[in-house]
Amino acid sequence: MWLESNADRLPWWSFGAGARTCLGQRLVMLEAKTALVYLCRKFNFVATSATEKKLKLLMDGNSRELTSVYPESVTVKLEVR
């Protein structure tokens, strides 16, 4: 089926691109940043014991350069400041 061949190319494309990009994209991004700042001001983010201690290396496939180091999963709890 023709839909199956394109399924992996664009798994999540919320705002579109080009001339038909979403008009509300800037507003949504501003609201998301505002919400994140509010959470950071009101709460401390504390890693729980369920957070994995082992780090996973994300390598660039072409040049073998290290681009990111991150734990496989991070579980946090919020504590009121």
PDB file of N, CA and C in Angstrom:
ATOM      1  N   MET A   1       0.849  -1.172   0.000  1.00  0.00           N
ATOM      2  CA  MET A   1       0.000   0.000   0.000  1.00  0.00           C
ATOM      3  C   MET A   1       0.897   1.239   0.000  1.00  0.00           C
ATOM      4  N   TRP A   2       0.500   2.306  -0.633  1.00  0.00           N
ATOM      5  CA  TRP A   2       1.337   3.493  -0.766  1.00  0.00           C
ATOM      6  C   TRP A   2       1.582   4.205   0.558  1.00  0.00           C
ATOM      7  N   LEU A   3       0.679   4.099   1.523  1.00  0.00           N
ATOM      8  CA  LEU A   3       0.880   4.749   2.818  1.00  0.00           C
ATOM      9  C   LEU A   3       2.006   4.099   3.611  1.00  0.00           C
ATOM     10  N   GLU A   4       2.161   2.805   3.493  1.00  0.00           N
ATOM     11  CA  GLU A   4       3.180   2.099   4.258  1.00  0.00           C
ATOM     12  C   GLU A   4       4.589   2.518   3.865  1.00  0.00           C
ATOM     13  N   SER A   5       4.826   2.829   2.610  1.00  0.00           N
ATOM     14  CA  SER A   5       6.176   3.200   2.185  1.00  0.00           C
ATOM     15  C   SER A   5       6.611   4.546   2.752  1.00  0.00           C
ATOM     16  N   ASN A   6       5.680   5.445   3.043  1.00  0.00           N
ATOM     17  CA  ASN A   6       6.014   6.766   3.581  1.00  0.00           C
ATOM     18  C   ASN A   6       5.889   6.832   5.098  1.00  0.00           C
ATOM     19  N   ALA A   7       5.505   5.748   5.726  1.00  0.00           N
ATOM     20  CA  ALA A   7       5.234   5.771   7.160  1.00  0.00           C
ATOM     21  C   ALA A   7       6.462   6.135   7.979  1.00  0.00           C
ATOM     22  N   ASP A   8       7.640   5.672   7.617  1.00  0.00           N
ATOM     23  CA  ASP A   8       8.841   5.928   8.406  1.00  0.00           C
ATOM     24  C   ASP A   8       9.507   7.262   8.079  1.00  0.00           C
ATOM     25  N   ARG A   9       9.193   7.857   6.950  1.00  0.00           N
ATOM     26  CA  ARG A   9       9.864   9.092   6.545  1.00  0.00           C
ATOM     27  C   ARG A   9       9.496  10.270   7.435  1.00  0.00           C
ATOM     28  N   LEU A  10       8.230  10.414   7.761  1.00  0.00           N
ATOM     29  CA  LEU A  10       7.780  11.548   8.553  1.00  0.00           C
ATOM     30  C   LEU A  10       6.874  11.076   9.683  1.00  0.00           C
ATOM     31  N   PRO A  11       7.450  10.474  10.719  1.00  0.00           N
ATOM     32  CA  PRO A  11       6.616   9.917  11.780  1.00  0.00           C
ATOM     33  C   PRO A  11       5.881  10.984  12.595  1.00  0.00           C
ATOM     34  N   TRP A  12       6.448  12.191  12.679  1.00  0.00           N
ATOM     35  CA  TRP A  12       5.831  13.233  13.496  1.00  0.00           C
ATOM     36  C   TRP A  12       6.222  14.579  12.927  1.00  0.00           C
ATOM     37  N   TRP A  13       5.279  15.234  12.281  1.00  0.00           N
ATOM     38  CA  TRP A  13       5.566  16.499  11.624  1.00  0.00           C
ATOM     39  C   TRP A  13       4.443  17.452  11.961  1.00  0.00           C
ATOM     40  N   SER A  14       4.479  18.027  13.137  1.00  0.00           N
ATOM     41  CA  SER A  14       3.326  18.735  13.679  1.00  0.00           C
ATOM     42  C   SER A  14       3.026  20.070  13.019  1.00  0.00           C
ATOM     43  N   PHE A  15       4.012  20.829  12.603  1.00  0.00           N
ATOM     44  CA  PHE A  15       3.760  22.174  12.095  1.00  0.00           C
ATOM     45  C   PHE A  15       3.866  22.289  10.585  1.00  0.00           C
ATOM     46  N   GLY A  16       4.277  21.248   9.914  1.00  0.00           N
ATOM     47  CA  GLY A  16       4.448  21.331   8.477  1.00  0.00           C
ATOM     48  C   GLY A  16       5.677  22.154   8.133  1.00  0.00           C
ATOM     49  N   ALA A  17       5.784  22.536   6.857  1.00  0.00           N
ATOM     50  CA  ALA A  17       6.937  23.320   6.428  1.00  0.00           C
ATOM     51  C   ALA A  17       6.592  24.066   5.150  1.00  0.00           C
ATOM     52  N   GLY A  18       7.422  25.023   4.831  1.00  0.00           N
ATOM     53  CA  GLY A  18       7.253  25.748   3.583  1.00  0.00           C
ATOM     54  C   GLY A  18       6.114  26.744   3.628  1.00  0.00           C
ATOM     55  N   ALA A  19       5.489  26.946   2.488  1.00  0.00           N
ATOM     56  CA  ALA A  19       4.433  27.950   2.355  1.00  0.00           C
ATOM     57  C   ALA A  19       3.190  27.606   3.171  1.00  0.00           C
ATOM     58  N   ARG A  20       2.995  26.346   3.472  1.00  0.00           N
ATOM     59  CA  ARG A  20       1.794  25.937   4.206  1.00  0.00           C
ATOM     60  C   ARG A  20       2.085  25.585   5.668  1.00  0.00           C
ATOM     61  N   THR A  21       3.099  26.176   6.216  1.00  0.00           N
ATOM     62  CA  THR A  21       3.431  25.912   7.614  1.00  0.00           C
ATOM     63  C   THR A  21       2.335  26.451   8.535  1.00  0.00           C
ATOM     64  N   CYS A  22       2.232  25.909   9.694  1.00  0.00           N
ATOM     65  CA  CYS A  22       1.202  26.290  10.660  1.00  0.00           C
ATOM     66  C   CYS A  22       1.370  27.744  11.093  1.00  0.00           C
ATOM     67  N   LEU A  23       0.286  28.517  11.034  1.00  0.00           N
ATOM     68  CA  LEU A  23       0.339  29.922  11.427  1.00  0.00           C
ATOM     69  C   LEU A  23       0.551  30.094  12.930  1.00  0.00           C
ATOM     70  N   GLY A  24       0.119  29.124  13.717  1.00  0.00           N
ATOM     71  CA  GLY A  24       0.228  29.233  15.165  1.00  0.00           C
ATOM     72  C   GLY A  24       1.509  28.669  15.749  1.00  0.00           C
ATOM     73  N   GLN A  25       2.467  28.286  14.906  1.00  0.00           N
ATOM     74  CA  GLN A  25       3.690  27.649  15.388  1.00  0.00           C
ATOM     75  C   GLN A  25       4.446  28.527  16.379  1.00  0.00           C
ATOM     76  N   ARG A  26       4.635  29.783  16.076  1.00  0.00           N
ATOM     77  CA  ARG A  26       5.390  30.664  16.983  1.00  0.00           C
ATOM     78  C   ARG A  26       4.674  30.848  18.309  1.00  0.00           C
ATOM     79  N   LEU A  27       3.349  30.982  18.272  1.00  0.00           N
ATOM     80  CA  LEU A  27       2.578  31.126  19.500  1.00  0.00           C
ATOM     81  C   LEU A  27       2.687  29.872  20.357  1.00  0.00           C
ATOM     82  N   VAL A  28       2.571  28.714  19.749  1.00  0.00           N
ATOM     83  CA  VAL A  28       2.658  27.450  20.492  1.00  0.00           C
ATOM     84  C   VAL A  28       4.035  27.294  21.123  1.00  0.00           C
ATOM     85  N   MET A  29       5.094  27.609  20.377  1.00  0.00           N
ATOM     86  CA  MET A  29       6.446  27.488  20.921  1.00  0.00           C
ATOM     87  C   MET A  29       6.653  28.466  22.074  1.00  0.00           C
ATOM     88  N   LEU A  30       6.126  29.681  21.955  1.00  0.00           N
ATOM     89  CA  LEU A  30       6.227  30.660  23.036  1.00  0.00           C
ATOM     90  C   LEU A  30       5.476  30.179  24.272  1.00  0.00           C
ATOM     91  N   GLU A  31       4.284  29.627  24.081  1.00  0.00           N
ATOM     92  CA  GLU A  31       3.517  29.101  25.213  1.00  0.00           C
ATOM     93  C   GLU A  31       4.231  27.931  25.879  1.00  0.00           C
ATOM     94  N   ALA A  32       4.846  27.062  25.094  1.00  0.00           N
ATOM     95  CA  ALA A  32       5.576  25.920  25.656  1.00  0.00           C
ATOM     96  C   ALA A  32       6.779  26.395  26.465  1.00  0.00           C
ATOM     97  N   LYS A  33       7.503  27.381  25.955  1.00  0.00           N
ATOM     98  CA  LYS A  33       8.655  27.922  26.688  1.00  0.00           C
ATOM     99  C   LYS A  33       8.207  28.599  27.971  1.00  0.00           C
ATOM    100  N   THR A  34       7.095  29.326  27.912  1.00  0.00           N
ATOM    101  CA  THR A  34       6.566  29.991  29.100  1.00  0.00           C
ATOM    102  C   THR A  34       6.175  28.968  30.160  1.00  0.00           C
ATOM    103  N   ALA A  35       5.540  27.887  29.753  1.00  0.00           N
ATOM    104  CA  ALA A  35       5.156  26.834  30.699  1.00  0.00           C
ATOM    105  C   ALA A  35       6.383  26.180  31.319  1.00  0.00           C
ATOM    106  N   LEU A  36       7.418  25.951  30.520  1.00  0.00           N
ATOM    107  CA  LEU A  36       8.647  25.346  31.035  1.00  0.00           C
ATOM    108  C   LEU A  36       9.330  26.268  32.041  1.00  0.00           C
ATOM    109  N   VAL A  37       9.382  27.560  31.744  1.00  0.00           N
ATOM    110  CA  VAL A  37       9.975  28.526  32.681  1.00  0.00           C
ATOM    111  C   VAL A  37       9.183  28.545  33.984  1.00  0.00           C
ATOM    112  N   TYR A  38       7.861  28.516  33.899  1.00  0.00           N
ATOM    113  CA  TYR A  38       7.031  28.496  35.095  1.00  0.00           C
ATOM    114  C   TYR A  38       7.335  27.265  35.944  1.00  0.00           C
ATOM    115  N   LEU A  39       7.420  26.093  35.312  1.00  0.00           N
ATOM    116  CA  LEU A  39       7.729  24.867  36.053  1.00  0.00           C
ATOM    117  C   LEU A  39       9.105  24.940  36.705  1.00  0.00           C
ATOM    118  N   CYS A  40      10.081  25.494  35.991  1.00  0.00           N
ATOM    119  CA  CYS A  40      11.437  25.596  36.538  1.00  0.00           C
ATOM    120  C   CYS A  40      11.507  26.577  37.702  1.00  0.00           C
ATOM    121  N   ARG A  41      10.665  27.600  37.687  1.00  0.00           N
ATOM    122  CA  ARG A  41      10.664  28.569  38.785  1.00  0.00           C
ATOM    123  C   ARG A  41       9.978  28.026  40.028  1.00  0.00           C
ATOM    124  N   LYS A  42       8.971  27.192  39.861  1.00  0.00           N
ATOM    125  CA  LYS A  42       8.167  26.714  40.985  1.00  0.00           C
ATOM    126  C   LYS A  42       8.620  25.376  41.560  1.00  0.00           C
ATOM    127  N   PHE A  43       9.344  24.586  40.758  1.00  0.00           N
ATOM    128  CA  PHE A  43       9.689  23.232  41.175  1.00  0.00           C
ATOM    129  C   PHE A  43      11.160  22.931  40.938  1.00  0.00           C
ATOM    130  N   ASN A  44      11.691  22.001  41.745  1.00  0.00           N
ATOM    131  CA  ASN A  44      12.995  21.394  41.492  1.00  0.00           C
ATOM    132  C   ASN A  44      12.745  20.048  40.824  1.00  0.00           C
ATOM    133  N   PHE A  45      13.504  19.755  39.790  1.00  0.00           N
ATOM    134  CA  PHE A  45      13.411  18.471  39.106  1.00  0.00           C
ATOM    135  C   PHE A  45      14.463  17.553  39.712  1.00  0.00           C
ATOM    136  N   VAL A  46      14.022  16.448  40.325  1.00  0.00           N
ATOM    137  CA  VAL A  46      14.920  15.540  41.024  1.00  0.00           C
ATOM    138  C   VAL A  46      14.830  14.159  40.374  1.00  0.00           C
ATOM    139  N   ALA A  47      15.973  13.613  40.000  1.00  0.00           N
ATOM    140  CA  ALA A  47      15.997  12.268  39.419  1.00  0.00           C
ATOM    141  C   ALA A  47      15.647  11.249  40.492  1.00  0.00           C
ATOM    142  N   THR A  48      14.844  10.267  40.133  1.00  0.00           N
ATOM    143  CA  THR A  48      14.471   9.215  41.075  1.00  0.00           C
ATOM    144  C   THR A  48      15.425   8.038  40.938  1.00  0.00           C
ATOM    145  N   SER A  49      15.257   7.060  41.796  1.00  0.00           N
ATOM    146  CA  SER A  49      16.120   5.876  41.741  1.00  0.00           C
ATOM    147  C   SER A  49      15.862   5.039  40.489  1.00  0.00           C
ATOM    148  N   ALA A  50      14.730   5.256  39.827  1.00  0.00           N
ATOM    149  CA  ALA A  50      14.426   4.514  38.600  1.00  0.00           C
ATOM    150  C   ALA A  50      15.208   5.028  37.389  1.00  0.00           C
ATOM    151  N   THR A  51      15.844   6.178  37.521  1.00  0.00           N
ATOM    152  CA  THR A  51      16.629   6.730  36.419  1.00  0.00           C
ATOM    153  C   THR A  51      17.855   5.868  36.185  1.00  0.00           C
ATOM    154  N   GLU A  52      18.084   5.538  34.929  1.00  0.00           N
ATOM    155  CA  GLU A  52      19.224   4.687  34.596  1.00  0.00           C
ATOM    156  C   GLU A  52      20.523   5.458  34.765  1.00  0.00           C
ATOM    157  N   LYS A  53      21.501   4.808  35.361  1.00  0.00           N
ATOM    158  CA  LYS A  53      22.801   5.441  35.590  1.00  0.00           C
ATOM    159  C   LYS A  53      23.730   5.283  34.391  1.00  0.00           C
ATOM    160  N   LYS A  54      23.474   4.252  33.586  1.00  0.00           N
ATOM    161  CA  LYS A  54      24.329   3.991  32.440  1.00  0.00           C
ATOM    162  C   LYS A  54      23.998   4.976  31.314  1.00  0.00           C
ATOM    163  N   LEU A  55      25.018   5.576  30.716  1.00  0.00           N
ATOM    164  CA  LEU A  55      24.815   6.532  29.639  1.00  0.00           C
ATOM    165  C   LEU A  55      24.918   5.850  28.286  1.00  0.00           C
ATOM    166  N   LYS A  56      24.139   6.333  27.345  1.00  0.00           N
ATOM    167  CA  LYS A  56      24.178   5.817  25.985  1.00  0.00           C
ATOM    168  C   LYS A  56      24.835   6.880  25.106  1.00  0.00           C
ATOM    169  N   LEU A  57      25.760   6.459  24.253  1.00  0.00           N
ATOM    170  CA  LEU A  57      26.437   7.383  23.356  1.00  0.00           C
ATOM    171  C   LEU A  57      25.693   7.440  22.036  1.00  0.00           C
ATOM    172  N   LEU A  58      25.416   8.639  21.574  1.00  0.00           N
ATOM    173  CA  LEU A  58      24.793   8.827  20.270  1.00  0.00           C
ATOM    174  C   LEU A  58      25.868   9.320  19.326  1.00  0.00           C
ATOM    175  N   MET A  59      26.209   8.500  18.357  1.00  0.00           N
ATOM    176  CA  MET A  59      27.290   8.831  17.430  1.00  0.00           C
ATOM    177  C   MET A  59      26.720   9.261  16.087  1.00  0.00           C
ATOM    178  N   ASP A  60      27.415  10.168  15.440  1.00  0.00           N
ATOM    179  CA  ASP A  60      27.085  10.542  14.070  1.00  0.00           C
ATOM    180  C   ASP A  60      27.493   9.377  13.182  1.00  0.00           C
ATOM    181  N   GLY A  61      26.581   8.854  12.397  1.00  0.00           N
ATOM    182  CA  GLY A  61      26.847   7.664  11.603  1.00  0.00           C
ATOM    183  C   GLY A  61      27.936   7.821  10.568  1.00  0.00           C
ATOM    184  N   ASN A  62      28.161   9.023  10.066  1.00  0.00           N
ATOM    185  CA  ASN A  62      29.133   9.218   8.997  1.00  0.00           C
ATOM    186  C   ASN A  62      30.544   9.461   9.507  1.00  0.00           C
ATOM    187  N   SER A  63      30.674  10.293  10.530  1.00  0.00           N
ATOM    188  CA  SER A  63      32.016  10.708  10.941  1.00  0.00           C
ATOM    189  C   SER A  63      32.485  10.080  12.240  1.00  0.00           C
ATOM    190  N   ARG A  64      31.627   9.330  12.896  1.00  0.00           N
ATOM    191  CA  ARG A  64      31.964   8.695  14.172  1.00  0.00           C
ATOM    192  C   ARG A  64      32.303   9.712  15.260  1.00  0.00           C
ATOM    193  N   GLU A  65      31.767  10.903  15.149  1.00  0.00           N
ATOM    194  CA  GLU A  65      31.993  11.911  16.181  1.00  0.00           C
ATOM    195  C   GLU A  65      30.919  11.778  17.248  1.00  0.00           C
ATOM    196  N   LEU A  66      31.311  12.023  18.473  1.00  0.00           N
ATOM    197  CA  LEU A  66      30.376  11.980  19.585  1.00  0.00           C
ATOM    198  C   LEU A  66      29.505  13.228  19.535  1.00  0.00           C
ATOM    199  N   THR A  67      28.196  13.042  19.494  1.00  0.00           N
ATOM    200  CA  THR A  67      27.309  14.198  19.447  1.00  0.00           C
ATOM    201  C   THR A  67      26.492  14.364  20.720  1.00  0.00           C
ATOM    202  N   SER A  68      26.166  13.280  21.408  1.00  0.00           N
ATOM    203  CA  SER A  68      25.357  13.372  22.620  1.00  0.00           C
ATOM    204  C   SER A  68      25.652  12.207  23.552  1.00  0.00           C
ATOM    205  N   VAL A  69      25.484  12.457  24.837  1.00  0.00           N
ATOM    206  CA  VAL A  69      25.551  11.411  25.847  1.00  0.00           C
ATOM    207  C   VAL A  69      24.318  11.598  26.723  1.00  0.00           C
ATOM    208  N   TYR A  70      23.529  10.531  26.864  1.00  0.00           N
ATOM    209  CA  TYR A  70      22.316  10.653  27.652  1.00  0.00           C
ATOM    210  C   TYR A  70      21.947   9.304  28.249  1.00  0.00           C
ATOM    211  N   PRO A  71      21.225   9.301  29.381  1.00  0.00           N
ATOM    212  CA  PRO A  71      20.750   8.037  29.928  1.00  0.00           C
ATOM    213  C   PRO A  71      19.607   7.505  29.072  1.00  0.00           C
ATOM    214  N   GLU A  72      19.429   6.207  29.068  1.00  0.00           N
ATOM    215  CA  GLU A  72      18.369   5.585  28.265  1.00  0.00           C
ATOM    216  C   GLU A  72      16.993   6.074  28.701  1.00  0.00           C
ATOM    217  N   SER A  73      16.785   6.186  30.000  1.00  0.00           N
ATOM    218  CA  SER A  73      15.510   6.720  30.492  1.00  0.00           C
ATOM    219  C   SER A  73      15.771   7.578  31.724  1.00  0.00           C
ATOM    220  N   VAL A  74      14.986   8.616  31.866  1.00  0.00           N
ATOM    221  CA  VAL A  74      15.109   9.519  33.005  1.00  0.00           C
ATOM    222  C   VAL A  74      13.734   9.645  33.645  1.00  0.00           C
ATOM    223  N   THR A  75      13.654   9.306  34.914  1.00  0.00           N
ATOM    224  CA  THR A  75      12.420   9.468  35.666  1.00  0.00           C
ATOM    225  C   THR A  75      12.669  10.544  36.707  1.00  0.00           C
ATOM    226  N   VAL A  76      11.841  11.577  36.691  1.00  0.00           N
ATOM    227  CA  VAL A  76      12.032  12.680  37.625  1.00  0.00           C
ATOM    228  C   VAL A  76      10.772  12.882  38.448  1.00  0.00           C
ATOM    229  N   LYS A  77      10.964  13.501  39.591  1.00  0.00           N
ATOM    230  CA  LYS A  77       9.822  13.939  40.387  1.00  0.00           C
ATOM    231  C   LYS A  77       9.986  15.433  40.611  1.00  0.00           C
ATOM    232  N   LEU A  78       8.880  16.107  40.812  1.00  0.00           N
ATOM    233  CA  LEU A  78       8.899  17.545  41.035  1.00  0.00           C
ATOM    234  C   LEU A  78       8.748  17.813  42.520  1.00  0.00           C
ATOM    235  N   GLU A  79       9.627  18.643  43.042  1.00  0.00           N
ATOM    236  CA  GLU A  79       9.538  19.065  44.438  1.00  0.00           C
ATOM    237  C   GLU A  79       9.297  20.565  44.459  1.00  0.00           C
ATOM    238  N   VAL A  80       8.339  20.982  45.259  1.00  0.00           N
ATOM    239  CA  VAL A  80       8.033  22.405  45.361  1.00  0.00           C
ATOM    240  C   VAL A  80       9.227  23.127  45.956  1.00  0.00           C
ATOM    241  N   ARG A  81       9.596  24.248  45.387  1.00  0.00           N
ATOM    242  CA  ARG A  81      10.731  25.035  45.905  1.00  0.00           C
ATOM    243  C   ARG A  81      10.356  25.719  47.193  1.00  0.00           C
TER     244      ARG A  81
END
